[in-house]
Amino acid sequence: MDDIEKRYFTIGEAAKELGVKPSVLRFWEQEFDQLKTQKTAGGRRVYSRKDMALLRKIHYLLKDMKYTIKGAREKLDAERKPKDDKTQIRETLQEAKVFLESLLEAL
């Protein structure tokens, strides 16, 4: 990649990075209000870096954490609201546990 970081990604590039089909991303756009995809003048979807971070989070919640669509949507909504320290620590530890378990399975 060039010295200049890429600012926008096509639906094909985003899908490839996440390991899903483009139709999955179009479905997620309908299901997650938090995802606001831009379209070019020709009607092609483009994802910003912020969109890509959100797509990675959605993918993580659905595939790794095994959330339902509704559960993932609620989790993302809850993240917008301030949390107490204990709740934040508990969630961070749970996410670390899942990550470490996935590493162990990969070995």
N, C-alpha and C. Protein backbone atom coordinates (compact mmCIF):
# COMPACT_ATOMS: atom_id res chain seq x y z
N MET A 1 0.85 -1.19 0.00
CA MET A 1 0.00 0.00 0.00
C MET A 1 0.89 1.24 0.00
N ASP A 2 0.42 2.30 -0.56
CA ASP A 2 1.17 3.55 -0.63
C ASP A 2 1.40 4.12 0.75
N ASP A 3 2.24 5.15 0.80
CA ASP A 3 2.49 5.83 2.07
C ASP A 3 1.22 6.48 2.61
N ILE A 4 0.35 6.86 1.69
CA ILE A 4 -0.91 7.47 2.09
C ILE A 4 -1.90 6.36 2.40
N GLU A 5 -2.48 6.41 3.58
CA GLU A 5 -3.45 5.38 3.96
C GLU A 5 -4.73 5.56 3.17
N LYS A 6 -5.33 4.44 2.86
CA LYS A 6 -6.58 4.44 2.11
C LYS A 6 -7.69 5.02 2.97
N ARG A 7 -8.51 5.89 2.39
CA ARG A 7 -9.59 6.55 3.13
C ARG A 7 -10.92 5.84 2.97
N TYR A 8 -11.16 5.26 1.80
CA TYR A 8 -12.44 4.61 1.52
C TYR A 8 -12.21 3.24 0.93
N PHE A 9 -13.14 2.34 1.22
CA PHE A 9 -13.05 0.96 0.75
C PHE A 9 -14.34 0.62 0.01
N THR A 10 -14.21 -0.13 -1.07
CA THR A 10 -15.39 -0.59 -1.78
C THR A 10 -16.03 -1.73 -0.98
N ILE A 11 -17.23 -2.10 -1.36
CA ILE A 11 -17.91 -3.19 -0.66
C ILE A 11 -17.13 -4.50 -0.84
N GLY A 12 -16.54 -4.69 -2.00
CA GLY A 12 -15.74 -5.88 -2.26
C GLY A 12 -14.51 -5.94 -1.37
N GLU A 13 -13.83 -4.80 -1.23
CA GLU A 13 -12.64 -4.75 -0.37
C GLU A 13 -13.01 -4.98 1.09
N ALA A 14 -14.09 -4.37 1.52
CA ALA A 14 -14.54 -4.53 2.91
C ALA A 14 -14.93 -5.97 3.18
N ALA A 15 -15.67 -6.57 2.27
CA ALA A 15 -16.11 -7.96 2.43
C ALA A 15 -14.91 -8.89 2.48
N LYS A 16 -13.95 -8.67 1.61
CA LYS A 16 -12.75 -9.52 1.58
C LYS A 16 -11.97 -9.42 2.89
N GLU A 17 -11.82 -8.20 3.38
CA GLU A 17 -11.08 -8.01 4.64
C GLU A 17 -11.76 -8.74 5.80
N LEU A 18 -13.09 -8.75 5.81
CA LEU A 18 -13.83 -9.38 6.90
C LEU A 18 -14.08 -10.87 6.67
N GLY A 19 -13.86 -11.33 5.45
CA GLY A 19 -14.09 -12.74 5.14
C GLY A 19 -15.56 -13.09 5.01
N VAL A 20 -16.35 -12.13 4.53
CA VAL A 20 -17.79 -12.36 4.31
C VAL A 20 -18.14 -11.96 2.88
N LYS A 21 -19.34 -12.29 2.45
CA LYS A 21 -19.80 -11.90 1.13
C LYS A 21 -20.36 -10.47 1.18
N PRO A 22 -20.30 -9.74 0.07
CA PRO A 22 -20.86 -8.39 0.03
C PRO A 22 -22.33 -8.34 0.46
N SER A 23 -23.08 -9.39 0.18
CA SER A 23 -24.50 -9.41 0.57
C SER A 23 -24.66 -9.34 2.08
N VAL A 24 -23.69 -9.88 2.82
CA VAL A 24 -23.73 -9.82 4.28
C VAL A 24 -23.61 -8.36 4.73
N LEU A 25 -22.71 -7.62 4.10
CA LEU A 25 -22.54 -6.21 4.46
C LEU A 25 -23.78 -5.40 4.14
N ARG A 26 -24.42 -5.69 3.00
CA ARG A 26 -25.66 -4.99 2.66
C ARG A 26 -26.75 -5.31 3.69
N PHE A 27 -26.80 -6.56 4.14
CA PHE A 27 -27.76 -6.96 5.17
C PHE A 27 -27.48 -6.21 6.48
N TRP A 28 -26.21 -6.16 6.88
CA TRP A 28 -25.86 -5.45 8.11
C TRP A 28 -26.25 -3.99 8.04
N GLU A 29 -26.14 -3.37 6.87
CA GLU A 29 -26.54 -1.97 6.72
C GLU A 29 -28.01 -1.78 7.06
N GLN A 30 -28.83 -2.76 6.71
CA GLN A 30 -30.26 -2.68 7.01
C GLN A 30 -30.54 -2.92 8.49
N GLU A 31 -29.73 -3.75 9.13
CA GLU A 31 -29.98 -4.17 10.50
C GLU A 31 -29.37 -3.25 11.56
N PHE A 32 -28.30 -2.56 11.23
CA PHE A 32 -27.59 -1.72 12.21
C PHE A 32 -27.69 -0.25 11.82
N ASP A 33 -28.48 0.48 12.58
CA ASP A 33 -28.65 1.92 12.33
C ASP A 33 -27.34 2.68 12.49
N GLN A 34 -26.43 2.13 13.29
CA GLN A 34 -25.16 2.79 13.55
C GLN A 34 -24.30 2.86 12.29
N LEU A 35 -24.55 1.98 11.33
CA LEU A 35 -23.76 1.91 10.11
C LEU A 35 -24.37 2.82 9.05
N LYS A 36 -23.69 3.89 8.74
CA LYS A 36 -24.15 4.88 7.76
C LYS A 36 -23.19 4.88 6.57
N THR A 37 -23.47 4.04 5.60
CA THR A 37 -22.60 3.90 4.45
C THR A 37 -22.86 5.00 3.44
N GLN A 38 -21.77 5.51 2.87
CA GLN A 38 -21.89 6.53 1.82
C GLN A 38 -21.97 5.83 0.47
N LYS A 39 -22.54 6.53 -0.48
CA LYS A 39 -22.59 6.02 -1.85
C LYS A 39 -22.00 7.07 -2.79
N THR A 40 -21.34 6.58 -3.83
CA THR A 40 -20.78 7.48 -4.83
C THR A 40 -21.89 7.99 -5.73
N ALA A 41 -21.54 8.90 -6.61
CA ALA A 41 -22.53 9.43 -7.55
C ALA A 41 -23.11 8.32 -8.42
N GLY A 42 -22.33 7.28 -8.64
CA GLY A 42 -22.78 6.14 -9.43
C GLY A 42 -23.56 5.11 -8.62
N GLY A 43 -23.75 5.38 -7.33
CA GLY A 43 -24.53 4.50 -6.48
C GLY A 43 -23.74 3.36 -5.84
N ARG A 44 -22.41 3.39 -5.94
CA ARG A 44 -21.59 2.34 -5.34
C ARG A 44 -21.30 2.66 -3.88
N ARG A 45 -21.38 1.64 -3.04
CA ARG A 45 -21.10 1.83 -1.62
C ARG A 45 -19.61 2.02 -1.39
N VAL A 46 -19.30 2.95 -0.48
CA VAL A 46 -17.92 3.12 -0.03
C VAL A 46 -17.93 3.22 1.49
N TYR A 47 -16.95 2.57 2.09
CA TYR A 47 -16.85 2.51 3.54
C TYR A 47 -15.65 3.34 4.00
N SER A 48 -15.88 4.22 4.95
CA SER A 48 -14.81 5.02 5.53
C SER A 48 -14.04 4.17 6.55
N ARG A 49 -12.96 4.70 7.05
CA ARG A 49 -12.20 3.99 8.10
C ARG A 49 -13.09 3.77 9.32
N LYS A 50 -13.92 4.75 9.65
CA LYS A 50 -14.83 4.63 10.79
C LYS A 50 -15.85 3.50 10.53
N ASP A 51 -16.38 3.45 9.30
CA ASP A 51 -17.30 2.37 8.93
C ASP A 51 -16.61 1.01 9.06
N MET A 52 -15.36 0.93 8.62
CA MET A 52 -14.62 -0.33 8.68
C MET A 52 -14.43 -0.78 10.13
N ALA A 53 -14.14 0.16 11.01
CA ALA A 53 -13.99 -0.18 12.43
C ALA A 53 -15.31 -0.73 12.98
N LEU A 54 -16.41 -0.11 12.59
CA LEU A 54 -17.72 -0.58 13.04
C LEU A 54 -18.04 -1.95 12.45
N LEU A 55 -17.71 -2.15 11.18
CA LEU A 55 -17.93 -3.47 10.56
C LEU A 55 -17.12 -4.55 11.27
N ARG A 56 -15.88 -4.23 11.63
CA ARG A 56 -15.06 -5.20 12.37
C ARG A 56 -15.70 -5.52 13.72
N LYS A 57 -16.23 -4.51 14.37
CA LYS A 57 -16.89 -4.71 15.67
C LYS A 57 -18.13 -5.59 15.50
N ILE A 58 -18.95 -5.30 14.50
CA ILE A 58 -20.15 -6.10 14.24
C ILE A 58 -19.76 -7.55 13.95
N HIS A 59 -18.76 -7.72 13.11
CA HIS A 59 -18.27 -9.06 12.77
C HIS A 59 -17.81 -9.79 14.03
N TYR A 60 -17.06 -9.11 14.87
CA TYR A 60 -16.56 -9.70 16.12
C TYR A 60 -17.73 -10.12 17.02
N LEU A 61 -18.71 -9.25 17.17
CA LEU A 61 -19.84 -9.56 18.04
C LEU A 61 -20.64 -10.75 17.51
N LEU A 62 -20.86 -10.78 16.21
CA LEU A 62 -21.69 -11.84 15.63
C LEU A 62 -20.94 -13.17 15.50
N LYS A 63 -19.72 -13.13 15.02
CA LYS A 63 -18.98 -14.36 14.73
C LYS A 63 -18.20 -14.90 15.91
N ASP A 64 -17.49 -14.03 16.63
CA ASP A 64 -16.65 -14.49 17.73
C ASP A 64 -17.40 -14.58 19.05
N MET A 65 -18.18 -13.55 19.34
CA MET A 65 -18.89 -13.52 20.62
C MET A 65 -20.25 -14.22 20.54
N LYS A 66 -20.67 -14.60 19.32
CA LYS A 66 -21.91 -15.35 19.08
C LYS A 66 -23.18 -14.59 19.48
N TYR A 67 -23.15 -13.26 19.34
CA TYR A 67 -24.34 -12.46 19.60
C TYR A 67 -25.35 -12.68 18.47
N THR A 68 -26.62 -12.51 18.77
CA THR A 68 -27.63 -12.45 17.74
C THR A 68 -27.57 -11.05 17.13
N ILE A 69 -28.27 -10.84 16.02
CA ILE A 69 -28.33 -9.49 15.42
C ILE A 69 -28.88 -8.51 16.45
N LYS A 70 -29.98 -8.89 17.10
CA LYS A 70 -30.60 -8.01 18.10
C LYS A 70 -29.63 -7.75 19.25
N GLY A 71 -28.97 -8.77 19.72
CA GLY A 71 -28.02 -8.61 20.83
C GLY A 71 -26.86 -7.72 20.46
N ALA A 72 -26.34 -7.89 19.24
CA ALA A 72 -25.22 -7.05 18.79
C ALA A 72 -25.66 -5.60 18.66
N ARG A 73 -26.87 -5.40 18.14
CA ARG A 73 -27.41 -4.04 18.00
C ARG A 73 -27.52 -3.39 19.38
N GLU A 74 -28.05 -4.13 20.35
CA GLU A 74 -28.20 -3.61 21.71
C GLU A 74 -26.84 -3.33 22.34
N LYS A 75 -25.87 -4.19 22.09
CA LYS A 75 -24.52 -3.99 22.62
C LYS A 75 -23.92 -2.70 22.06
N LEU A 76 -24.07 -2.49 20.76
CA LEU A 76 -23.54 -1.27 20.15
C LEU A 76 -24.25 -0.03 20.69
N ASP A 77 -25.56 -0.13 20.89
CA ASP A 77 -26.30 0.99 21.47
C ASP A 77 -25.84 1.28 22.89
N ALA A 78 -25.62 0.20 23.65
CA ALA A 78 -25.19 0.36 25.05
C ALA A 78 -23.81 1.01 25.14
N GLU A 79 -22.97 0.77 24.14
CA GLU A 79 -21.62 1.34 24.16
C GLU A 79 -21.65 2.85 23.99
N ARG A 80 -22.72 3.37 23.45
CA ARG A 80 -22.85 4.82 23.31
C ARG A 80 -23.10 5.49 24.65
N LYS A 81 -23.66 4.72 25.59
CA LYS A 81 -24.00 5.27 26.90
C LYS A 81 -22.84 5.05 27.86
N PRO A 82 -22.65 5.97 28.81
CA PRO A 82 -21.59 5.79 29.80
C PRO A 82 -21.87 4.57 30.69
N LYS A 83 -20.80 3.87 31.08
CA LYS A 83 -20.93 2.69 31.92
C LYS A 83 -20.19 2.91 33.23
N ASP A 84 -20.58 2.14 34.22
CA ASP A 84 -19.82 2.19 35.45
C ASP A 84 -18.55 1.35 35.26
N ASP A 85 -17.56 1.55 36.14
CA ASP A 85 -16.27 0.90 35.99
C ASP A 85 -16.36 -0.63 36.04
N LYS A 86 -17.18 -1.17 36.92
CA LYS A 86 -17.27 -2.63 37.06
C LYS A 86 -17.82 -3.26 35.79
N THR A 87 -18.82 -2.65 35.19
CA THR A 87 -19.40 -3.18 33.96
C THR A 87 -18.37 -3.16 32.85
N GLN A 88 -17.64 -2.06 32.73
CA GLN A 88 -16.62 -1.94 31.70
C GLN A 88 -15.53 -2.99 31.88
N ILE A 89 -15.07 -3.19 33.10
CA ILE A 89 -14.04 -4.18 33.39
C ILE A 89 -14.54 -5.59 33.06
N ARG A 90 -15.75 -5.89 33.44
CA ARG A 90 -16.33 -7.22 33.19
C ARG A 90 -16.40 -7.49 31.69
N GLU A 91 -16.85 -6.52 30.92
CA GLU A 91 -16.96 -6.69 29.47
C GLU A 91 -15.58 -6.84 28.82
N THR A 92 -14.62 -6.06 29.28
CA THR A 92 -13.27 -6.16 28.73
C THR A 92 -12.66 -7.53 29.03
N LEU A 93 -12.87 -8.03 30.23
CA LEU A 93 -12.36 -9.36 30.59
C LEU A 93 -13.04 -10.45 29.76
N GLN A 94 -14.33 -10.33 29.53
CA GLN A 94 -15.05 -11.32 28.72
C GLN A 94 -14.52 -11.32 27.29
N GLU A 95 -14.30 -10.15 26.74
CA GLU A 95 -13.77 -10.07 25.39
C GLU A 95 -12.36 -10.64 25.32
N ALA A 96 -11.53 -10.38 26.33
CA ALA A 96 -10.18 -10.93 26.38
C ALA A 96 -10.23 -12.46 26.47
N LYS A 97 -11.16 -12.98 27.24
CA LYS A 97 -11.31 -14.43 27.39
C LYS A 97 -11.64 -15.07 26.03
N VAL A 98 -12.58 -14.49 25.32
CA VAL A 98 -12.97 -15.03 24.01
C VAL A 98 -11.79 -14.97 23.04
N PHE A 99 -11.07 -13.87 23.07
CA PHE A 99 -9.91 -13.72 22.20
C PHE A 99 -8.87 -14.78 22.51
N LEU A 100 -8.56 -14.98 23.78
CA LEU A 100 -7.56 -15.96 24.17
C LEU A 100 -8.01 -17.39 23.83
N GLU A 101 -9.29 -17.66 23.99
CA GLU A 101 -9.83 -18.99 23.62
C GLU A 101 -9.67 -19.22 22.12
N SER A 102 -9.91 -18.18 21.32
CA SER A 102 -9.78 -18.34 19.87
C SER A 102 -8.32 -18.56 19.49
N LEU A 103 -7.38 -17.92 20.20
CA LEU A 103 -5.95 -18.15 19.96
C LEU A 103 -5.59 -19.60 20.30
N LEU A 104 -6.10 -20.08 21.42
CA LEU A 104 -5.82 -21.45 21.84
C LEU A 104 -6.32 -22.45 20.81
N GLU A 105 -7.51 -22.21 20.27
CA GLU A 105 -8.05 -23.09 19.24
C GLU A 105 -7.21 -23.08 17.98
N ALA A 106 -6.61 -21.95 17.68
CA ALA A 106 -5.80 -21.82 16.47
C ALA A 106 -4.47 -22.58 16.58
N LEU A 107 -4.05 -22.87 17.78
CA LEU A 107 -2.76 -23.58 17.98
C LEU A 107 -2.84 -25.04 17.68
